[in-house]
Protein backbone atom coordinates (compact mmCIF):
# COMPACT_ATOMS: atom_id res chain seq x y z
CA MET A 1 15.81 6.40 -15.96
CA SER A 2 16.93 5.78 -12.38
CA THR A 3 14.66 4.14 -9.83
CA ASP A 4 12.86 6.37 -7.34
CA ALA A 5 13.38 4.26 -4.20
CA ILE A 6 10.74 6.14 -2.20
CA ASP A 7 8.09 5.65 -4.88
CA LEU A 8 9.02 1.99 -5.39
CA THR A 9 8.70 1.41 -1.65
CA ARG A 10 5.20 2.92 -1.68
CA LYS A 11 4.13 0.66 -4.54
CA LEU A 12 5.57 -2.50 -2.98
CA VAL A 13 4.06 -1.81 0.44
CA ASN A 14 0.62 -1.40 -1.15
CA ILE A 15 0.79 -4.96 -2.52
CA GLU A 16 -0.24 -7.47 0.14
CA SER A 17 2.39 -10.20 0.47
CA THR A 18 2.19 -11.86 3.86
CA SER A 19 4.03 -15.20 3.99
CA TYR A 20 2.62 -17.79 1.54
CA TYR A 21 0.90 -14.99 -0.45
CA GLU A 22 3.93 -13.47 -2.19
CA GLY A 23 2.88 -14.25 -5.78
CA VAL A 24 1.48 -10.83 -6.68
CA VAL A 25 4.41 -8.82 -5.37
CA GLY A 26 6.82 -11.27 -7.01
CA ALA A 27 5.08 -10.78 -10.35
CA TYR A 28 5.24 -7.00 -9.94
CA LEU A 29 8.97 -7.07 -9.19
CA ALA A 30 9.70 -9.47 -12.04
CA GLU A 31 7.93 -7.19 -14.51
CA PHE A 32 9.52 -4.04 -13.07
CA LEU A 33 13.04 -5.48 -13.34
CA ALA A 34 12.42 -6.84 -16.84
CA GLU A 35 11.49 -3.31 -17.90
CA GLN A 36 14.89 -2.22 -16.56
CA LYS A 37 16.53 -4.62 -19.06
CA TYR A 38 17.39 -7.32 -16.52
CA ALA A 39 17.25 -10.99 -17.36
CA VAL A 40 14.70 -12.11 -14.77
CA GLU A 41 14.07 -15.61 -13.44
CA ARG A 42 11.09 -16.75 -11.41
CA MET A 43 12.48 -19.45 -9.14
CA ALA A 44 9.51 -21.63 -8.13
CA VAL A 45 9.09 -22.39 -4.41
CA ALA A 46 6.73 -25.14 -3.25
CA GLN A 47 3.72 -24.13 -1.17
CA ARG A 48 3.00 -25.76 2.18
CA ASP A 49 -0.11 -27.89 2.63
CA PRO A 50 -2.87 -25.63 4.10
CA ALA A 51 -4.24 -28.67 5.92
CA LEU A 52 -0.97 -28.99 7.82
CA VAL A 53 0.24 -25.38 8.04
CA PRO A 54 -2.24 -22.73 9.24
CA GLY A 55 -2.29 -19.74 6.92
CA ALA A 56 -0.66 -21.56 4.00
CA ASN A 57 -1.89 -20.93 0.47
CA VAL A 58 -2.20 -22.76 -2.84
CA GLY A 59 -1.30 -19.80 -5.11
CA GLU A 60 1.87 -19.30 -7.14
CA ARG A 61 5.01 -18.65 -5.13
CA PHE A 62 8.51 -17.92 -6.38
CA ASN A 63 11.79 -16.12 -5.72
CA VAL A 64 12.86 -13.39 -8.14
CA TYR A 65 16.44 -13.40 -9.42
CA ALA A 66 17.71 -10.70 -11.79
CA ALA A 67 21.01 -9.80 -13.42
CA LEU A 68 22.01 -8.14 -16.65
CA PRO A 69 21.93 -10.60 -19.57
CA GLY A 70 24.97 -12.87 -19.65
CA VAL A 71 26.42 -11.54 -16.38
CA THR A 72 27.67 -13.79 -13.58
CA PRO A 73 27.55 -11.47 -10.56
CA ASP A 74 30.37 -10.89 -8.12
CA VAL A 75 27.92 -9.41 -5.59
CA VAL A 76 24.26 -10.27 -5.01
CA LEU A 77 21.97 -7.93 -3.09
CA SER A 78 19.19 -9.90 -1.42
CA THR A 79 16.25 -9.65 0.96
CA HIS A 80 12.74 -11.06 1.32
CA MET A 81 9.41 -10.15 -0.27
CA ASP A 82 7.10 -11.63 2.37
CA THR A 83 5.83 -9.64 5.33
CA PHE A 84 4.52 -10.38 8.77
CA PRO A 85 0.70 -10.15 9.06
CA PRO A 86 -1.57 -8.26 9.14
CA PHE A 87 -1.32 -6.26 5.93
CA PHE A 88 -1.85 -2.50 6.00
CA GLY A 89 -1.04 -0.10 3.19
CA CYS A 90 1.36 2.80 2.86
CA THR A 91 0.88 6.25 4.36
CA GLU A 92 3.48 8.96 4.82
CA ASP A 93 4.52 12.31 6.18
CA ASP A 94 7.54 14.44 5.39
CA GLU A 95 9.92 12.18 7.31
CA TYR A 96 8.57 8.63 7.20
CA LEU A 97 6.83 6.03 5.10
CA TYR A 98 4.46 3.90 7.20
CA GLY A 99 2.96 0.50 6.43
CA ARG A 100 3.58 -3.22 6.57
CA GLY A 101 6.92 -3.97 5.00
CA THR A 102 8.27 -0.42 4.92
CA CYS A 103 11.36 -1.47 6.87
CA ASP A 104 10.95 -5.26 6.78
CA ALA A 105 11.79 -5.46 3.97
CA LYS A 106 10.20 -3.67 0.99
CA GLY A 107 12.05 -0.41 1.56
CA ILE A 108 15.20 -2.52 1.49
CA ILE A 109 14.16 -4.07 -1.85
CA ALA A 110 13.77 -0.56 -3.30
CA ALA A 111 17.16 0.56 -1.93
CA GLN A 112 18.85 -2.52 -3.38
CA VAL A 113 17.28 -2.04 -6.80
CA ALA A 114 18.47 1.59 -6.84
CA ALA A 115 21.93 0.59 -5.61
CA ALA A 116 22.25 -2.08 -8.31
CA GLU A 117 21.69 0.55 -11.00
CA ARG A 118 24.56 2.62 -9.65
CA LEU A 119 26.77 -0.44 -9.32
CA HIS A 120 26.20 -1.22 -13.01
CA GLU A 121 27.46 2.28 -13.79
CA CYS A 122 30.56 1.59 -11.64
CA GLY A 123 31.27 -1.60 -13.58
CA VAL A 124 30.42 -3.93 -10.68
CA LYS A 125 28.83 -7.23 -11.71
CA VAL A 126 25.75 -7.34 -9.48
CA GLY A 127 22.64 -9.47 -9.15
CA LEU A 128 19.40 -9.17 -7.20
CA LEU A 129 17.74 -12.00 -5.27
CA PHE A 130 14.36 -11.49 -3.60
CA VAL A 131 13.03 -14.53 -1.74
CA VAL A 132 9.79 -15.74 -0.17
CA GLY A 133 9.11 -17.21 3.23
CA GLU A 134 11.73 -15.51 5.42
CA GLU A 135 9.15 -14.68 8.09
CA ARG A 136 8.10 -18.33 8.44
CA ASP A 137 10.57 -21.03 7.43
CA SER A 138 13.13 -19.63 4.95
CA ALA A 139 11.61 -21.79 2.21
CA GLY A 140 12.66 -19.35 -0.50
CA ALA A 141 16.25 -19.20 0.73
CA ARG A 142 16.46 -22.99 0.82
CA THR A 143 15.33 -23.16 -2.80
CA ALA A 144 17.72 -20.38 -3.83
CA ASN A 145 20.63 -22.18 -2.22
CA GLU A 146 20.00 -25.11 -4.54
CA ASN A 147 20.33 -22.70 -7.51
CA PRO A 148 23.41 -20.49 -6.91
CA ARG A 149 24.64 -18.08 -9.56
CA GLY A 150 28.38 -18.04 -8.88
CA SER A 151 28.49 -14.87 -6.75
CA ARG A 152 31.41 -14.22 -4.42
CA PHE A 153 29.56 -12.00 -1.95
CA LEU A 154 25.99 -11.84 -0.62
CA ILE A 155 24.75 -8.58 0.90
CA ASN A 156 21.57 -9.43 2.76
CA GLY A 157 19.13 -6.71 3.78
CA GLU A 158 17.32 -6.49 7.11
CA PRO A 159 16.65 -3.47 9.35
CA THR A 160 20.00 -2.73 11.01
CA ASP A 161 19.71 1.09 11.25
CA ASN A 162 22.24 1.31 8.41
CA ARG A 163 24.87 -0.45 10.50
CA LEU A 164 26.92 -3.40 9.27
CA ALA A 165 26.18 -6.49 11.34
CA LEU A 166 29.16 -8.36 12.73
CA ALA A 167 26.94 -11.26 13.79
CA THR A 168 23.35 -12.44 13.87
CA LYS A 169 21.79 -14.69 16.44
CA GLY A 170 20.40 -18.03 15.38
CA ALA A 171 16.75 -19.03 15.66
CA LEU A 172 15.58 -22.38 16.97
CA ARG A 173 11.84 -23.12 16.90
CA VAL A 174 10.87 -25.89 19.31
CA GLU A 175 7.48 -27.59 19.70
CA LEU A 176 6.49 -29.41 22.90
CA HIS A 177 3.57 -31.86 22.85
CA ALA A 178 2.37 -33.23 26.21
CA HIS A 179 -0.11 -36.09 26.55
CA GLY A 180 -2.36 -37.08 29.43
CA ARG A 181 -5.61 -38.90 30.22
CA MET A 182 -9.07 -37.32 30.24
CA ALA A 183 -11.29 -37.45 33.31
CA HIS A 184 -14.10 -35.50 34.94
CA SER A 185 -12.55 -32.54 36.75
CA ALA A 186 -14.41 -33.50 39.94
CA TYR A 187 -12.24 -36.65 39.99
CA PRO A 188 -8.80 -35.46 38.87
CA GLU A 189 -7.18 -38.54 40.42
CA LEU A 190 -8.74 -40.58 37.60
CA GLY A 191 -7.00 -38.54 34.92
CA GLU A 192 -3.58 -37.17 34.05
CA SER A 193 -3.31 -33.50 33.12
CA ALA A 194 -1.27 -32.78 29.99
CA ILE A 195 -1.43 -29.07 30.81
CA ASP A 196 0.11 -29.62 34.24
CA LYS A 197 2.95 -31.54 32.61
CA LEU A 198 3.48 -28.82 30.02
CA VAL A 199 3.41 -25.99 32.56
CA ASP A 200 6.01 -27.76 34.70
CA VAL A 201 8.25 -28.36 31.69
CA LEU A 202 7.99 -24.74 30.53
CA HIS A 203 8.81 -23.47 34.02
CA GLU A 204 11.95 -25.56 34.10
CA ILE A 205 13.01 -24.59 30.57
CA ARG A 206 12.66 -20.90 31.43
CA ALA A 207 14.88 -21.47 34.49
CA MET A 208 17.63 -23.21 32.47
CA GLU A 209 21.13 -21.78 32.39
CA LEU A 210 21.61 -20.92 28.73
CA PRO A 211 24.75 -20.13 26.68
CA VAL A 212 26.18 -16.59 26.67
CA GLU A 213 28.60 -15.10 24.12
CA PRO A 214 30.51 -12.21 25.77
CA GLU A 215 31.84 -10.97 22.40
CA PHE A 216 28.27 -10.06 21.39
CA GLY A 217 27.95 -7.56 24.24
CA GLU A 218 24.38 -6.83 25.37
CA ALA A 219 23.13 -9.09 22.54
CA GLY A 220 25.13 -12.04 23.86
CA GLY A 221 22.53 -13.97 25.83
CA THR A 222 20.43 -16.88 24.60
CA THR A 223 16.73 -15.98 24.98
CA VAL A 224 13.58 -18.11 25.08
CA ASN A 225 10.15 -16.87 24.02
CA VAL A 226 7.11 -19.05 24.75
CA GLY A 227 5.06 -17.79 21.83
CA ILE A 228 2.05 -20.14 21.66
CA ILE A 229 0.33 -22.39 24.19
CA HIS A 230 -2.88 -24.30 23.66
CA GLY A 231 -4.56 -27.45 24.90
CA GLY A 232 -7.44 -28.93 26.84
CA ARG A 233 -11.09 -29.40 25.97
CA ALA A 234 -13.22 -27.70 28.64
CA PRO A 235 -12.81 -26.26 32.15
CA ASN A 236 -14.49 -29.30 33.66
CA VAL A 237 -12.32 -31.88 31.86
CA VAL A 238 -8.82 -33.00 32.83
CA PRO A 239 -6.88 -32.25 29.62
CA ASP A 240 -5.42 -35.11 27.63
CA SER A 241 -3.24 -32.98 25.34
CA ALA A 242 -1.40 -29.65 25.33
CA GLU A 243 1.34 -28.08 23.28
CA ALA A 244 3.61 -25.06 23.24
CA GLN A 245 5.78 -23.42 20.59
CA LEU A 246 9.03 -21.75 21.60
CA LEU A 247 11.40 -19.50 19.67
CA ILE A 248 14.94 -19.55 21.03
CA ARG A 249 17.53 -16.99 19.90
CA THR A 250 20.87 -18.79 20.00
CA VAL A 251 24.45 -17.50 20.21
CA GLY A 252 26.23 -20.78 19.52
CA PRO A 253 25.58 -24.35 18.35
CA SER A 254 21.87 -25.07 18.49
CA GLN A 255 22.47 -28.72 19.33
CA ASP A 256 23.68 -27.68 22.80
CA VAL A 257 20.30 -26.02 23.46
CA LYS A 258 18.36 -28.95 21.99
CA ASP A 259 20.22 -31.39 24.21
CA ALA A 260 19.59 -29.22 27.30
CA ILE A 261 15.86 -29.04 26.56
CA THR A 262 15.67 -32.81 26.03
CA ARG A 263 17.31 -33.36 29.41
CA VAL A 264 14.90 -30.99 31.16
CA VAL A 265 11.81 -32.44 29.50
CA HIS A 266 12.93 -35.95 30.49
CA GLY A 267 10.16 -37.75 28.62
CA ARG A 268 7.28 -35.63 29.94
CA ALA A 269 6.56 -34.28 26.44
CA GLU A 270 7.52 -34.89 22.84
CA VAL A 271 10.15 -32.44 21.56
CA THR A 272 10.38 -31.47 17.88
CA SER A 273 12.05 -28.64 15.98
CA SER A 274 10.71 -27.08 12.77
CA LEU A 275 13.29 -24.32 12.23
CA ASP A 276 17.00 -24.18 12.98
CA LEU A 277 18.93 -21.16 11.73
CA SER A 278 22.49 -21.01 12.97
CA CYS A 279 24.23 -18.06 14.57
CA VAL A 280 26.44 -16.31 11.99
CA ARG A 281 29.59 -14.21 12.43
CA MET A 282 30.67 -11.75 9.73
CA ARG A 283 33.63 -9.48 9.17
CA ARG A 284 34.08 -5.75 9.47
CA VAL A 285 34.54 -3.72 6.27
CA GLY A 286 35.98 -0.22 6.18
CA GLN A 287 34.66 2.38 8.60
CA LEU A 288 30.99 1.42 8.53
CA PRO A 289 29.33 1.54 11.96
CA THR A 290 28.60 -1.95 13.27
CA MET A 291 26.12 -3.88 15.42
CA VAL A 292 25.18 -7.41 16.48
CA ALA A 293 21.69 -8.44 15.39
CA LYS A 294 19.59 -10.15 18.02
CA PHE A 295 17.38 -11.51 15.24
CA ALA A 296 17.98 -14.25 12.66
CA THR A 297 18.01 -13.91 8.88
CA ASP A 298 18.05 -16.06 5.73
CA ILE A 299 21.85 -15.87 5.64
CA PRO A 300 22.47 -19.35 7.17
CA MET A 301 20.35 -20.86 4.39
CA LEU A 302 22.30 -19.16 1.57
CA PRO A 303 25.94 -20.31 1.91
CA ALA A 304 26.18 -21.10 -1.81
CA TRP A 305 25.69 -17.42 -2.68
CA GLY A 306 29.00 -16.18 -1.29
CA GLU A 307 30.50 -14.60 1.79
CA PRO A 308 27.63 -12.94 3.70
CA PHE A 309 27.15 -9.39 4.93
CA LEU A 310 24.10 -7.84 6.57
CA LEU A 311 23.05 -4.20 6.19
CA GLY A 312 19.80 -2.32 5.82
CA PRO A 313 17.81 0.81 6.67
CA GLY A 314 15.14 0.96 9.35
CA SER A 315 14.78 -0.28 12.91
CA ILE A 316 13.92 -3.85 13.84
CA HIS A 317 12.14 -2.37 16.87
CA VAL A 318 9.19 -1.27 14.71
CA ALA A 319 9.15 -4.28 12.38
CA HIS A 320 6.15 -6.58 12.98
CA THR A 321 4.34 -3.78 14.86
CA PRO A 322 1.39 -1.49 14.00
CA ASP A 323 3.92 1.36 13.90
CA GLU A 324 6.17 -0.08 11.21
CA ARG A 325 7.89 2.73 9.33
CA ILE A 326 11.09 3.80 7.61
CA SER A 327 12.84 7.13 7.43
CA LYS A 328 12.98 8.39 3.86
CA GLN A 329 16.41 9.89 4.48
CA GLU A 330 17.75 6.66 5.97
CA LEU A 331 16.43 4.66 3.04
CA LEU A 332 18.18 6.93 0.54
CA GLU A 333 21.40 6.92 2.58
CA CYS A 334 21.43 3.13 2.47
CA ILE A 335 21.63 3.19 -1.33
CA ASN A 336 25.03 4.85 -0.95
CA LEU A 337 26.05 2.37 1.73
CA TYR A 338 25.19 -0.62 -0.47
CA VAL A 339 27.20 0.90 -3.32
CA ASP A 340 30.19 1.63 -1.06
CA LEU A 341 30.12 -1.83 0.52
CA ALA A 342 29.82 -3.68 -2.78
CA THR A 343 32.60 -1.70 -4.47
CA SER A 344 34.85 -2.23 -1.43
CA LEU A 345 34.29 -5.98 -1.61
CA VAL A 346 35.14 -6.31 -5.30
CA GLY A 347 37.69 -3.47 -5.41
């Protein structure tokens, strides 16, 4: 019995699986695939310490890998099980499925499962790899890369509007920690404001001349998002500490950006980096429409799984938003695209 990708998407979306809480959806997928006669492996992924990582969990966490018994796949279809918070369940109308994960990336999971069934019928040796942690730190991909299965090609799924990505930007997460000296705000000369230091540093970072890649077209600029700022103790106290978290979308070597930031900061704050996903270029295949993804993926963390490709239904513009949705027609069309791409690669 073939998989109903629309129904599987509904069921997956209705299972809460924000990052660090993927255990239940992983168990559901493992059982579902076992019922389809796959040999299924739960690939354990370590949890982060909740005392150190806000939002982390102590529950079970694992990637799901599946292939037919005894088969070493030529092609692996892969995406992530975790979603961006907050969770909200699935609703629908005639055209769309709505809910957290519909396009990023539970609809993609369903399309890949359905495509794998058809690839088996075509004689293509295919595997499925569904990982945890993509929305936070690619922890699942890192673990998977230590346990490759001999595949020649990796087709990763993210919302690309059913276009084959020729490149993805990298992602560099930078933390800035500024330190000062507390004082009564009536006597600021007795203190040293960490917030003033941090604001000055951020202003100068935002004014930096950053790398541009003309081949990427309108996606070719490096961008900086100051996502989190906090610090200080009270309005009437000169702040002794402040920090900011930045997410930089890179188009070339991340070390160039790190070095530029270090020069601008010039000792006024501590600079650390907790995530560094490189920019990736990929090749064109056949007549598939193409794009350059401004976002990053798990692909840089999975080199051991084969030559990478990126393709998936849905729009990144609605991912992570209250309006997340996926077109039912586009989801079903992507099943055919996965089959065509995989057969072209091994053909």
